[in-house]
Amino acid sequence: MDMESLDQLSDKPTSDEKNIALLSHLGTLIGGFIVPLVIYLVKKDESAYVAEHAKESLNFQISLLIYFIVSGFLAIIIIGFFLMMALGLFSLIVLILASIATSEGKLYRYPLCIRFIQ
């Protein structure tokens, strides 16, 4: 969903919607994929803005889990350790970018994200 599609869903997200959407991104630092999953299940019918952010965050966390599992297997040949470090740094950077976009009322699409939940 792009910004034009978001405009069709609602005029402008409220500050509460922005805060909950922001929590769906930042909450992953403490609760992993559980936080965006709960937010999505609770708010999906109330706010399209929050639902989009929660889905995107959830998809990214599931993708990261898969990438870390693959990196764990690759640790046998040493490269997996470097991939894990790179994934950790990458996830922190894109989490910051997602948080900034969310606080500005914009949608953010994580790079390298497999979209399991449409």
PDB file of N, CA and C in Angstrom:
ATOM      1  N   MET A   1       0.857  -1.171   0.000  1.00  0.00           N
ATOM      2  CA  MET A   1       0.000   0.000   0.000  1.00  0.00           C
ATOM      3  C   MET A   1       0.906   1.237   0.000  1.00  0.00           C
ATOM      4  N   ASP A   2       0.640   2.168  -0.867  1.00  0.00           N
ATOM      5  CA  ASP A   2       1.436   3.382  -0.931  1.00  0.00           C
ATOM      6  C   ASP A   2       0.695   4.536  -0.257  1.00  0.00           C
ATOM      7  N   MET A   3       1.306   5.702  -0.246  1.00  0.00           N
ATOM      8  CA  MET A   3       0.707   6.846   0.441  1.00  0.00           C
ATOM      9  C   MET A   3      -0.625   7.241  -0.186  1.00  0.00           C
ATOM     10  N   GLU A   4      -0.757   7.113  -1.501  1.00  0.00           N
ATOM     11  CA  GLU A   4      -2.022   7.463  -2.139  1.00  0.00           C
ATOM     12  C   GLU A   4      -3.133   6.537  -1.651  1.00  0.00           C
ATOM     13  N   SER A   5      -2.816   5.263  -1.511  1.00  0.00           N
ATOM     14  CA  SER A   5      -3.809   4.314  -1.000  1.00  0.00           C
ATOM     15  C   SER A   5      -4.154   4.634   0.441  1.00  0.00           C
ATOM     16  N   LEU A   6      -3.153   5.047   1.207  1.00  0.00           N
ATOM     17  CA  LEU A   6      -3.400   5.423   2.598  1.00  0.00           C
ATOM     18  C   LEU A   6      -4.322   6.630   2.667  1.00  0.00           C
ATOM     19  N   ASP A   7      -4.134   7.579   1.773  1.00  0.00           N
ATOM     20  CA  ASP A   7      -4.999   8.760   1.748  1.00  0.00           C
ATOM     21  C   ASP A   7      -6.450   8.378   1.499  1.00  0.00           C
ATOM     22  N   GLN A   8      -6.656   7.336   0.734  1.00  0.00           N
ATOM     23  CA  GLN A   8      -8.013   6.891   0.466  1.00  0.00           C
ATOM     24  C   GLN A   8      -8.637   6.241   1.700  1.00  0.00           C
ATOM     25  N   LEU A   9      -7.803   5.628   2.545  1.00  0.00           N
ATOM     26  CA  LEU A   9      -8.318   4.956   3.731  1.00  0.00           C
ATOM     27  C   LEU A   9      -8.719   5.949   4.814  1.00  0.00           C
ATOM     28  N   SER A  10      -7.905   6.946   5.019  1.00  0.00           N
ATOM     29  CA  SER A  10      -8.223   7.962   6.014  1.00  0.00           C
ATOM     30  C   SER A  10      -7.494   9.245   5.635  1.00  0.00           C
ATOM     31  N   ASP A  11      -8.043  10.349   6.094  1.00  0.00           N
ATOM     32  CA  ASP A  11      -7.441  11.627   5.729  1.00  0.00           C
ATOM     33  C   ASP A  11      -6.040  11.776   6.304  1.00  0.00           C
ATOM     34  N   LYS A  12      -5.930  11.633   7.607  1.00  0.00           N
ATOM     35  CA  LYS A  12      -4.640  11.791   8.254  1.00  0.00           C
ATOM     36  C   LYS A  12      -4.679  10.995   9.554  1.00  0.00           C
ATOM     37  N   PRO A  13      -3.614  10.226   9.833  1.00  0.00           N
ATOM     38  CA  PRO A  13      -3.640   9.444  11.072  1.00  0.00           C
ATOM     39  C   PRO A  13      -3.618  10.352  12.300  1.00  0.00           C
ATOM     40  N   THR A  14      -4.366   9.954  13.313  1.00  0.00           N
ATOM     41  CA  THR A  14      -4.382  10.714  14.562  1.00  0.00           C
ATOM     42  C   THR A  14      -3.093  10.454  15.318  1.00  0.00           C
ATOM     43  N   SER A  15      -2.847  11.222  16.350  1.00  0.00           N
ATOM     44  CA  SER A  15      -1.632  11.021  17.144  1.00  0.00           C
ATOM     45  C   SER A  15      -1.672   9.670  17.854  1.00  0.00           C
ATOM     46  N   ASP A  16      -2.861   9.218  18.259  1.00  0.00           N
ATOM     47  CA  ASP A  16      -2.977   7.894  18.877  1.00  0.00           C
ATOM     48  C   ASP A  16      -2.625   6.795  17.880  1.00  0.00           C
ATOM     49  N   GLU A  17      -3.098   6.936  16.647  1.00  0.00           N
ATOM     50  CA  GLU A  17      -2.771   5.954  15.611  1.00  0.00           C
ATOM     51  C   GLU A  17      -1.265   5.930  15.337  1.00  0.00           C
ATOM     52  N   LYS A  18      -0.660   7.099  15.282  1.00  0.00           N
ATOM     53  CA  LYS A  18       0.782   7.172  15.061  1.00  0.00           C
ATOM     54  C   LYS A  18       1.537   6.500  16.203  1.00  0.00           C
ATOM     55  N   ASN A  19       1.099   6.750  17.445  1.00  0.00           N
ATOM     56  CA  ASN A  19       1.776   6.165  18.600  1.00  0.00           C
ATOM     57  C   ASN A  19       1.658   4.646  18.628  1.00  0.00           C
ATOM     58  N   ILE A  20       0.482   4.133  18.313  1.00  0.00           N
ATOM     59  CA  ILE A  20       0.300   2.681  18.303  1.00  0.00           C
ATOM     60  C   ILE A  20       1.097   2.058  17.159  1.00  0.00           C
ATOM     61  N   ALA A  21       1.099   2.711  15.998  1.00  0.00           N
ATOM     62  CA  ALA A  21       1.887   2.220  14.872  1.00  0.00           C
ATOM     63  C   ALA A  21       3.378   2.245  15.215  1.00  0.00           C
ATOM     64  N   LEU A  22       3.807   3.288  15.896  1.00  0.00           N
ATOM     65  CA  LEU A  22       5.201   3.387  16.328  1.00  0.00           C
ATOM     66  C   LEU A  22       5.543   2.265  17.307  1.00  0.00           C
ATOM     67  N   LEU A  23       4.611   1.962  18.194  1.00  0.00           N
ATOM     68  CA  LEU A  23       4.812   0.864  19.140  1.00  0.00           C
ATOM     69  C   LEU A  23       4.951  -0.477  18.421  1.00  0.00           C
ATOM     70  N   SER A  24       4.254  -0.639  17.305  1.00  0.00           N
ATOM     71  CA  SER A  24       4.365  -1.899  16.569  1.00  0.00           C
ATOM     72  C   SER A  24       5.770  -2.093  15.998  1.00  0.00           C
ATOM     73  N   HIS A  25       6.475  -1.005  15.763  1.00  0.00           N
ATOM     74  CA  HIS A  25       7.862  -1.106  15.291  1.00  0.00           C
ATOM     75  C   HIS A  25       8.835  -1.212  16.463  1.00  0.00           C
ATOM     76  N   LEU A  26       8.751  -0.264  17.380  1.00  0.00           N
ATOM     77  CA  LEU A  26       9.709  -0.227  18.489  1.00  0.00           C
ATOM     78  C   LEU A  26       9.498  -1.353  19.500  1.00  0.00           C
ATOM     79  N   GLY A  27       8.282  -1.844  19.602  1.00  0.00           N
ATOM     80  CA  GLY A  27       7.997  -2.936  20.524  1.00  0.00           C
ATOM     81  C   GLY A  27       8.721  -4.219  20.175  1.00  0.00           C
ATOM     82  N   THR A  28       9.188  -4.318  18.938  1.00  0.00           N
ATOM     83  CA  THR A  28       9.914  -5.518  18.524  1.00  0.00           C
ATOM     84  C   THR A  28      11.264  -5.630  19.220  1.00  0.00           C
ATOM     85  N   LEU A  29      11.785  -4.515  19.722  1.00  0.00           N
ATOM     86  CA  LEU A  29      13.055  -4.560  20.456  1.00  0.00           C
ATOM     87  C   LEU A  29      12.923  -5.361  21.746  1.00  0.00           C
ATOM     88  N   ILE A  30      11.737  -5.362  22.319  1.00  0.00           N
ATOM     89  CA  ILE A  30      11.505  -6.074  23.578  1.00  0.00           C
ATOM     90  C   ILE A  30      10.753  -7.382  23.351  1.00  0.00           C
ATOM     91  N   GLY A  31       9.717  -7.345  22.521  1.00  0.00           N
ATOM     92  CA  GLY A  31       8.842  -8.506  22.391  1.00  0.00           C
ATOM     93  C   GLY A  31       8.922  -9.246  21.080  1.00  0.00           C
ATOM     94  N   GLY A  32       9.864  -8.898  20.218  1.00  0.00           N
ATOM     95  CA  GLY A  32       9.968  -9.590  18.934  1.00  0.00           C
ATOM     96  C   GLY A  32       8.701  -9.450  18.118  1.00  0.00           C
ATOM     97  N   PHE A  33       8.307 -10.532  17.457  1.00  0.00           N
ATOM     98  CA  PHE A  33       7.144 -10.477  16.573  1.00  0.00           C
ATOM     99  C   PHE A  33       5.813 -10.483  17.331  1.00  0.00           C
ATOM    100  N   ILE A  34       5.848 -10.747  18.632  1.00  0.00           N
ATOM    101  CA  ILE A  34       4.614 -10.813  19.426  1.00  0.00           C
ATOM    102  C   ILE A  34       3.916  -9.447  19.482  1.00  0.00           C
ATOM    103  N   VAL A  35       4.678  -8.379  19.662  1.00  0.00           N
ATOM    104  CA  VAL A  35       4.091  -7.034  19.801  1.00  0.00           C
ATOM    105  C   VAL A  35       3.317  -6.623  18.545  1.00  0.00           C
ATOM    106  N   PRO A  36       3.925  -6.678  17.347  1.00  0.00           N
ATOM    107  CA  PRO A  36       3.125  -6.293  16.174  1.00  0.00           C
ATOM    108  C   PRO A  36       1.972  -7.258  15.895  1.00  0.00           C
ATOM    109  N   LEU A  37       2.132  -8.523  16.270  1.00  0.00           N
ATOM    110  CA  LEU A  37       1.045  -9.487  16.083  1.00  0.00           C
ATOM    111  C   LEU A  37      -0.164  -9.107  16.938  1.00  0.00           C
ATOM    112  N   VAL A  38       0.071  -8.810  18.204  1.00  0.00           N
ATOM    113  CA  VAL A  38      -1.023  -8.426  19.096  1.00  0.00           C
ATOM    114  C   VAL A  38      -1.668  -7.129  18.628  1.00  0.00           C
ATOM    115  N   ILE A  39      -0.844  -6.151  18.263  1.00  0.00           N
ATOM    116  CA  ILE A  39      -1.384  -4.870  17.787  1.00  0.00           C
ATOM    117  C   ILE A  39      -2.218  -5.079  16.532  1.00  0.00           C
ATOM    118  N   TYR A  40      -1.734  -5.895  15.630  1.00  0.00           N
ATOM    119  CA  TYR A  40      -2.489  -6.157  14.396  1.00  0.00           C
ATOM    120  C   TYR A  40      -3.822  -6.818  14.703  1.00  0.00           C
ATOM    121  N   LEU A  41      -3.806  -7.836  15.543  1.00  0.00           N
ATOM    122  CA  LEU A  41      -5.047  -8.553  15.851  1.00  0.00           C
ATOM    123  C   LEU A  41      -6.066  -7.666  16.569  1.00  0.00           C
ATOM    124  N   VAL A  42      -5.580  -6.770  17.421  1.00  0.00           N
ATOM    125  CA  VAL A  42      -6.491  -5.911  18.181  1.00  0.00           C
ATOM    126  C   VAL A  42      -6.992  -4.730  17.356  1.00  0.00           C
ATOM    127  N   LYS A  43      -6.136  -4.127  16.549  1.00  0.00           N
ATOM    128  CA  LYS A  43      -6.467  -2.862  15.879  1.00  0.00           C
ATOM    129  C   LYS A  43      -6.772  -2.967  14.389  1.00  0.00           C
ATOM    130  N   LYS A  44      -6.722  -4.164  13.810  1.00  0.00           N
ATOM    131  CA  LYS A  44      -6.876  -4.271  12.352  1.00  0.00           C
ATOM    132  C   LYS A  44      -8.206  -3.745  11.837  1.00  0.00           C
ATOM    133  N   ASP A  45      -9.255  -3.853  12.625  1.00  0.00           N
ATOM    134  CA  ASP A  45     -10.567  -3.371  12.175  1.00  0.00           C
ATOM    135  C   ASP A  45     -10.829  -1.915  12.542  1.00  0.00           C
ATOM    136  N   GLU A  46     -10.009  -1.364  13.427  1.00  0.00           N
ATOM    137  CA  GLU A  46     -10.218   0.003  13.887  1.00  0.00           C
ATOM    138  C   GLU A  46      -9.456   1.043  13.071  1.00  0.00           C
ATOM    139  N   SER A  47      -8.255   0.685  12.613  1.00  0.00           N
ATOM    140  CA  SER A  47      -7.420   1.666  11.936  1.00  0.00           C
ATOM    141  C   SER A  47      -6.600   0.999  10.836  1.00  0.00           C
ATOM    142  N   ALA A  48      -6.823   1.419   9.604  1.00  0.00           N
ATOM    143  CA  ALA A  48      -6.057   0.885   8.479  1.00  0.00           C
ATOM    144  C   ALA A  48      -4.587   1.288   8.589  1.00  0.00           C
ATOM    145  N   TYR A  49      -4.340   2.480   9.111  1.00  0.00           N
ATOM    146  CA  TYR A  49      -2.967   2.970   9.278  1.00  0.00           C
ATOM    147  C   TYR A  49      -2.186   2.077  10.244  1.00  0.00           C
ATOM    148  N   VAL A  50      -2.763   1.803  11.385  1.00  0.00           N
ATOM    149  CA  VAL A  50      -2.113   0.954  12.388  1.00  0.00           C
ATOM    150  C   VAL A  50      -1.968  -0.467  11.853  1.00  0.00           C
ATOM    151  N   ALA A  51      -2.993  -0.963  11.182  1.00  0.00           N
ATOM    152  CA  ALA A  51      -2.945  -2.322  10.646  1.00  0.00           C
ATOM    153  C   ALA A  51      -1.822  -2.480   9.625  1.00  0.00           C
ATOM    154  N   GLU A  52      -1.641  -1.498   8.750  1.00  0.00           N
ATOM    155  CA  GLU A  52      -0.570  -1.570   7.748  1.00  0.00           C
ATOM    156  C   GLU A  52       0.807  -1.591   8.402  1.00  0.00           C
ATOM    157  N   HIS A  53       1.008  -0.742   9.397  1.00  0.00           N
ATOM    158  CA  HIS A  53       2.296  -0.715  10.084  1.00  0.00           C
ATOM    159  C   HIS A  53       2.540  -1.993  10.865  1.00  0.00           C
ATOM    160  N   ALA A  54       1.525  -2.487  11.531  1.00  0.00           N
ATOM    161  CA  ALA A  54       1.682  -3.721  12.306  1.00  0.00           C
ATOM    162  C   ALA A  54       1.976  -4.902  11.382  1.00  0.00           C
ATOM    163  N   LYS A  55       1.286  -4.975  10.236  1.00  0.00           N
ATOM    164  CA  LYS A  55       1.547  -6.052   9.269  1.00  0.00           C
ATOM    165  C   LYS A  55       2.970  -5.970   8.743  1.00  0.00           C
ATOM    166  N   GLU A  56       3.393  -4.777   8.405  1.00  0.00           N
ATOM    167  CA  GLU A  56       4.743  -4.605   7.858  1.00  0.00           C
ATOM    168  C   GLU A  56       5.795  -4.993   8.896  1.00  0.00           C
ATOM    169  N   SER A  57       5.597  -4.558  10.124  1.00  0.00           N
ATOM    170  CA  SER A  57       6.535  -4.890  11.194  1.00  0.00           C
ATOM    171  C   SER A  57       6.546  -6.392  11.458  1.00  0.00           C
ATOM    172  N   LEU A  58       5.386  -7.004  11.483  1.00  0.00           N
ATOM    173  CA  LEU A  58       5.277  -8.439  11.703  1.00  0.00           C
ATOM    174  C   LEU A  58       5.952  -9.221  10.578  1.00  0.00           C
ATOM    175  N   ASN A  59       5.698  -8.843   9.348  1.00  0.00           N
ATOM    176  CA  ASN A  59       6.349  -9.497   8.212  1.00  0.00           C
ATOM    177  C   ASN A  59       7.862  -9.385   8.292  1.00  0.00           C
ATOM    178  N   PHE A  60       8.354  -8.218   8.683  1.00  0.00           N
ATOM    179  CA  PHE A  60       9.801  -8.037   8.778  1.00  0.00           C
ATOM    180  C   PHE A  60      10.389  -8.891   9.892  1.00  0.00           C
ATOM    181  N   GLN A  61       9.714  -8.982  11.015  1.00  0.00           N
ATOM    182  CA  GLN A  61      10.231  -9.787  12.125  1.00  0.00           C
ATOM    183  C   GLN A  61      10.254 -11.269  11.762  1.00  0.00           C
ATOM    184  N   ILE A  62       9.252 -11.742  11.054  1.00  0.00           N
ATOM    185  CA  ILE A  62       9.250 -13.140  10.606  1.00  0.00           C
ATOM    186  C   ILE A  62      10.365 -13.364   9.593  1.00  0.00           C
ATOM    187  N   SER A  63      10.553 -12.414   8.689  1.00  0.00           N
ATOM    188  CA  SER A  63      11.642 -12.510   7.709  1.00  0.00           C
ATOM    189  C   SER A  63      12.991 -12.553   8.414  1.00  0.00           C
ATOM    190  N   LEU A  64      13.175 -11.671   9.407  1.00  0.00           N
ATOM    191  CA  LEU A  64      14.433 -11.658  10.160  1.00  0.00           C
ATOM    192  C   LEU A  64      14.686 -12.988  10.854  1.00  0.00           C
ATOM    193  N   LEU A  65      13.648 -13.566  11.422  1.00  0.00           N
ATOM    194  CA  LEU A  65      13.788 -14.857  12.085  1.00  0.00           C
ATOM    195  C   LEU A  65      14.296 -15.908  11.100  1.00  0.00           C
ATOM    196  N   ILE A  66      13.732 -15.930   9.913  1.00  0.00           N
ATOM    197  CA  ILE A  66      14.179 -16.872   8.884  1.00  0.00           C
ATOM    198  C   ILE A  66      15.630 -16.598   8.505  1.00  0.00           C
ATOM    199  N   TYR A  67      15.977 -15.329   8.323  1.00  0.00           N
ATOM    200  CA  TYR A  67      17.352 -14.976   7.958  1.00  0.00           C
ATOM    201  C   TYR A  67      18.342 -15.372   9.048  1.00  0.00           C
ATOM    202  N   PHE A  68      17.959 -15.195  10.315  1.00  0.00           N
ATOM    203  CA  PHE A  68      18.849 -15.584  11.406  1.00  0.00           C
ATOM    204  C   PHE A  68      18.989 -17.106  11.503  1.00  0.00           C
ATOM    205  N   ILE A  69      17.931 -17.842  11.231  1.00  0.00           N
ATOM    206  CA  ILE A  69      18.024 -19.305  11.241  1.00  0.00           C
ATOM    207  C   ILE A  69      18.976 -19.786  10.152  1.00  0.00           C
ATOM    208  N   VAL A  70      18.843 -19.224   8.955  1.00  0.00           N
ATOM    209  CA  VAL A  70      19.742 -19.576   7.857  1.00  0.00           C
ATOM    210  C   VAL A  70      21.181 -19.203   8.217  1.00  0.00           C
ATOM    211  N   SER A  71      21.362 -18.032   8.819  1.00  0.00           N
ATOM    212  CA  SER A  71      22.706 -17.607   9.233  1.00  0.00           C
ATOM    213  C   SER A  71      23.274 -18.556  10.289  1.00  0.00           C
ATOM    214  N   GLY A  72      22.404 -19.053  11.159  1.00  0.00           N
ATOM    215  CA  GLY A  72      22.848 -20.014  12.166  1.00  0.00           C
ATOM    216  C   GLY A  72      23.395 -21.277  11.532  1.00  0.00           C
ATOM    217  N   PHE A  73      22.726 -21.756  10.497  1.00  0.00           N
ATOM    218  CA  PHE A  73      23.235 -22.932   9.790  1.00  0.00           C
ATOM    219  C   PHE A  73      24.541 -22.613   9.075  1.00  0.00           C
ATOM    220  N   LEU A  74      24.647 -21.404   8.538  1.00  0.00           N
ATOM    221  CA  LEU A  74      25.863 -21.000   7.831  1.00  0.00           C
ATOM    222  C   LEU A  74      27.024 -20.714   8.789  1.00  0.00           C
ATOM    223  N   ALA A  75      26.728 -20.644  10.087  1.00  0.00           N
ATOM    224  CA  ALA A  75      27.800 -20.419  11.064  1.00  0.00           C
ATOM    225  C   ALA A  75      28.783 -21.577  11.067  1.00  0.00           C
ATOM    226  N   ILE A  76      28.350 -22.720  10.582  1.00  0.00           N
ATOM    227  CA  ILE A  76      29.239 -23.878  10.476  1.00  0.00           C
ATOM    228  C   ILE A  76      30.441 -23.537   9.601  1.00  0.00           C
ATOM    229  N   ILE A  77      30.219 -22.736   8.568  1.00  0.00           N
ATOM    230  CA  ILE A  77      31.330 -22.357   7.688  1.00  0.00           C
ATOM    231  C   ILE A  77      31.746 -20.904   7.933  1.00  0.00           C
ATOM    232  N   ILE A  78      31.594 -20.449   9.147  1.00  0.00           N
ATOM    233  CA  ILE A  78      32.058 -19.146   9.641  1.00  0.00           C
ATOM    234  C   ILE A  78      31.284 -17.943   9.097  1.00  0.00           C
ATOM    235  N   ILE A  79      30.889 -17.955   7.838  1.00  0.00           N
ATOM    236  CA  ILE A  79      30.234 -16.778   7.259  1.00  0.00           C
ATOM    237  C   ILE A  79      28.943 -16.412   7.985  1.00  0.00           C
ATOM    238  N   GLY A  80      28.287 -17.383   8.602  1.00  0.00           N
ATOM    239  CA  GLY A  80      27.043 -17.133   9.315  1.00  0.00           C
ATOM    240  C   GLY A  80      27.201 -16.134  10.449  1.00  0.00           C
ATOM    241  N   PHE A  81      28.345 -16.160  11.119  1.00  0.00           N
ATOM    242  CA  PHE A  81      28.590 -15.197  12.205  1.00  0.00           C
ATOM    243  C   PHE A  81      28.602 -13.768  11.670  1.00  0.00           C
ATOM    244  N   PHE A  82      29.232 -13.577  10.533  1.00  0.00           N
ATOM    245  CA  PHE A  82      29.277 -12.246   9.925  1.00  0.00           C
ATOM    246  C   PHE A  82      27.891 -11.825   9.434  1.00  0.00           C
ATOM    247  N   LEU A  83      27.145 -12.790   8.897  1.00  0.00           N
ATOM    248  CA  LEU A  83      25.785 -12.488   8.455  1.00  0.00           C
ATOM    249  C   LEU A  83      24.902 -12.085   9.629  1.00  0.00           C
ATOM    250  N   MET A  84      25.063 -12.755  10.767  1.00  0.00           N
ATOM    251  CA  MET A  84      24.267 -12.405  11.949  1.00  0.00           C
ATOM    252  C   MET A  84      24.569 -10.993  12.426  1.00  0.00           C
ATOM    253  N   MET A  85      25.849 -10.636  12.440  1.00  0.00           N
ATOM    254  CA  MET A  85      26.210  -9.269  12.841  1.00  0.00           C
ATOM    255  C   MET A  85      25.634  -8.243  11.863  1.00  0.00           C
ATOM    256  N   ALA A  86      25.738  -8.546  10.575  1.00  0.00           N
ATOM    257  CA  ALA A  86      25.210  -7.632   9.555  1.00  0.00           C
ATOM    258  C   ALA A  86      23.691  -7.521   9.666  1.00  0.00           C
ATOM    259  N   LEU A  87      23.014  -8.640   9.917  1.00  0.00           N
ATOM    260  CA  LEU A  87      21.559  -8.616  10.072  1.00  0.00           C
ATOM    261  C   LEU A  87      21.144  -7.797  11.292  1.00  0.00           C
ATOM    262  N   GLY A  88      21.879  -7.928  12.375  1.00  0.00           N
ATOM    263  CA  GLY A  88      21.570  -7.156  13.574  1.00  0.00           C
ATOM    264  C   GLY A  88      21.688  -5.661  13.323  1.00  0.00           C
ATOM    265  N   LEU A  89      22.762  -5.249  12.680  1.00  0.00           N
ATOM    266  CA  LEU A  89      22.973  -3.835  12.362  1.00  0.00           C
ATOM    267  C   LEU A  89      21.916  -3.347  11.364  1.00  0.00           C
ATOM    268  N   PHE A  90      21.664  -4.143  10.338  1.00  0.00           N
ATOM    269  CA  PHE A  90      20.666  -3.802   9.328  1.00  0.00           C
ATOM    270  C   PHE A  90      19.290  -3.617   9.957  1.00  0.00           C
ATOM    271  N   SER A  91      18.909  -4.548  10.834  1.00  0.00           N
ATOM    272  CA  SER A  91      17.575  -4.465  11.439  1.00  0.00           C
ATOM    273  C   SER A  91      17.441  -3.231  12.323  1.00  0.00           C
ATOM    274  N   LEU A  92      18.502  -2.856  13.009  1.00  0.00           N
ATOM    275  CA  LEU A  92      18.470  -1.657  13.844  1.00  0.00           C
ATOM    276  C   LEU A  92      18.315  -0.394  12.990  1.00  0.00           C
ATOM    277  N   ILE A  93      19.035  -0.332  11.888  1.00  0.00           N
ATOM    278  CA  ILE A  93      18.969   0.838  11.008  1.00  0.00           C
ATOM    279  C   ILE A  93      17.580   0.987  10.398  1.00  0.00           C
ATOM    280  N   VAL A  94      17.026  -0.107   9.859  1.00  0.00           N
ATOM    281  CA  VAL A  94      15.708   0.015   9.225  1.00  0.00           C
ATOM    282  C   VAL A  94      14.600   0.217  10.252  1.00  0.00           C
ATOM    283  N   LEU A  95      14.812  -0.254  11.475  1.00  0.00           N
ATOM    284  CA  LEU A  95      13.842   0.001  12.543  1.00  0.00           C
ATOM    285  C   LEU A  95      13.791   1.490  12.864  1.00  0.00           C
ATOM    286  N   ILE A  96      14.936   2.131  12.886  1.00  0.00           N
ATOM    287  CA  ILE A  96      14.997   3.579  13.118  1.00  0.00           C
ATOM    288  C   ILE A  96      14.300   4.320  11.969  1.00  0.00           C
ATOM    289  N   LEU A  97      14.580   3.916  10.727  1.00  0.00           N
ATOM    290  CA  LEU A  97      13.946   4.552   9.570  1.00  0.00           C
ATOM    291  C   LEU A  97      12.427   4.360   9.593  1.00  0.00           C
ATOM    292  N   ALA A  98      11.976   3.160   9.964  1.00  0.00           N
ATOM    293  CA  ALA A  98      10.533   2.889  10.052  1.00  0.00           C
ATOM    294  C   ALA A  98       9.894   3.743  11.137  1.00  0.00           C
ATOM    295  N   SER A  99      10.580   3.903  12.250  1.00  0.00           N
ATOM    296  CA  SER A  99      10.046   4.707  13.355  1.00  0.00           C
ATOM    297  C   SER A  99       9.917   6.176  12.967  1.00  0.00           C
ATOM    298  N   ILE A 100      10.897   6.679  12.255  1.00  0.00           N
ATOM    299  CA  ILE A 100      10.843   8.077  11.801  1.00  0.00           C
ATOM    300  C   ILE A 100       9.686   8.277  10.834  1.00  0.00           C
ATOM    301  N   ALA A 101       9.550   7.368   9.858  1.00  0.00           N
ATOM    302  CA  ALA A 101       8.456   7.480   8.892  1.00  0.00           C
ATOM    303  C   ALA A 101       7.097   7.385   9.578  1.00  0.00           C
ATOM    304  N   THR A 102       6.987   6.488  10.544  1.00  0.00           N
ATOM    305  CA  THR A 102       5.727   6.314  11.255  1.00  0.00           C
ATOM    306  C   THR A 102       5.351   7.562  12.037  1.00  0.00           C
ATOM    307  N   SER A 103       6.318   8.150  12.710  1.00  0.00           N
ATOM    308  CA  SER A 103       6.026   9.349  13.492  1.00  0.00           C
ATOM    309  C   SER A 103       5.632  10.530  12.608  1.00  0.00           C
ATOM    310  N   GLU A 104       6.043  10.492  11.338  1.00  0.00           N
ATOM    311  CA  GLU A 104       5.659  11.534  10.384  1.00  0.00           C
ATOM    312  C   GLU A 104       4.333  11.222   9.690  1.00  0.00           C
ATOM    313  N   GLY A 105       3.727  10.088  10.023  1.00  0.00           N
ATOM    314  CA  GLY A 105       2.445   9.729   9.424  1.00  0.00           C
ATOM    315  C   GLY A 105       2.565   9.072   8.061  1.00  0.00           C
ATOM    316  N   LYS A 106       3.734   8.539   7.737  1.00  0.00           N
ATOM    317  CA  LYS A 106       3.968   7.896   6.445  1.00  0.00           C
ATOM    318  C   LYS A 106       4.041   6.384   6.621  1.00  0.00           C
ATOM    319  N   LEU A 107       3.798   5.685   5.530  1.00  0.00           N
ATOM    320  CA  LEU A 107       3.999   4.240   5.524  1.00  0.00           C
ATOM    321  C   LEU A 107       5.467   3.947   5.246  1.00  0.00           C
ATOM    322  N   TYR A 108       5.963   2.844   5.793  1.00  0.00           N
ATOM    323  CA  TYR A 108       7.339   2.442   5.542  1.00  0.00           C
ATOM    324  C   TYR A 108       7.351   0.993   5.114  1.00  0.00           C
ATOM    325  N   ARG A 109       8.076   0.705   4.065  1.00  0.00           N
ATOM    326  CA  ARG A 109       8.258  -0.665   3.589  1.00  0.00           C
ATOM    327  C   ARG A 109       9.680  -1.096   3.912  1.00  0.00           C
ATOM    328  N   TYR A 110       9.788  -2.155   4.714  1.00  0.00           N
ATOM    329  CA  TYR A 110      11.108  -2.676   5.053  1.00  0.00           C
ATOM    330  C   TYR A 110      11.740  -3.315   3.818  1.00  0.00           C
ATOM    331  N   PRO A 111      13.025  -3.043   3.593  1.00  0.00           N
ATOM    332  CA  PRO A 111      13.711  -3.736   2.498  1.00  0.00           C
ATOM    333  C   PRO A 111      13.985  -5.189   2.908  1.00  0.00           C
ATOM    334  N   LEU A 112      14.099  -6.058   1.933  1.00  0.00           N
ATOM    335  CA  LEU A 112      14.378  -7.491   2.135  1.00  0.00           C
ATOM    336  C   LEU A 112      13.306  -8.185   2.982  1.00  0.00           C
ATOM    337  N   CYS A 113      12.116  -7.663   2.951  1.00  0.00           N
ATOM    338  CA  CYS A 113      11.012  -8.206   3.754  1.00  0.00           C
ATOM    339  C   CYS A 113      10.153  -9.130   2.897  1.00  0.00           C
ATOM    340  N   ILE A 114       9.939 -10.326   3.400  1.00  0.00           N
ATOM    341  CA  ILE A 114       9.015 -11.259   2.744  1.00  0.00           C
ATOM    342  C   ILE A 114       7.632 -10.943   3.291  1.00  0.00           C
ATOM    343  N   ARG A 115       6.706 -10.680   2.434  1.00  0.00           N
ATOM    344  CA  ARG A 115       5.361 -10.282   2.893  1.00  0.00           C
ATOM    345  C   ARG A 115       4.456 -11.507   2.988  1.00  0.00           C
ATOM    346  N   PHE A 116       4.466 -12.113   4.174  1.00  0.00           N
ATOM    347  CA  PHE A 116       3.648 -13.286   4.444  1.00  0.00           C
ATOM    348  C   PHE A 116       2.190 -12.900   4.634  1.00  0.00           C
ATOM    349  N   ILE A 117       1.972 -11.802   5.325  1.00  0.00           N
ATOM    350  CA  ILE A 117       0.625 -11.328   5.630  1.00  0.00           C
ATOM    351  C   ILE A 117       0.317 -10.183   4.683  1.00  0.00           C
ATOM    352  N   GLN A 118      -0.689 -10.358   3.871  1.00  0.00           N
ATOM    353  CA  GLN A 118      -1.033  -9.330   2.875  1.00  0.00           C
ATOM    354  C   GLN A 118      -2.071  -8.457   3.438  1.00  0.00           C
TER     355      GLN A 118
END
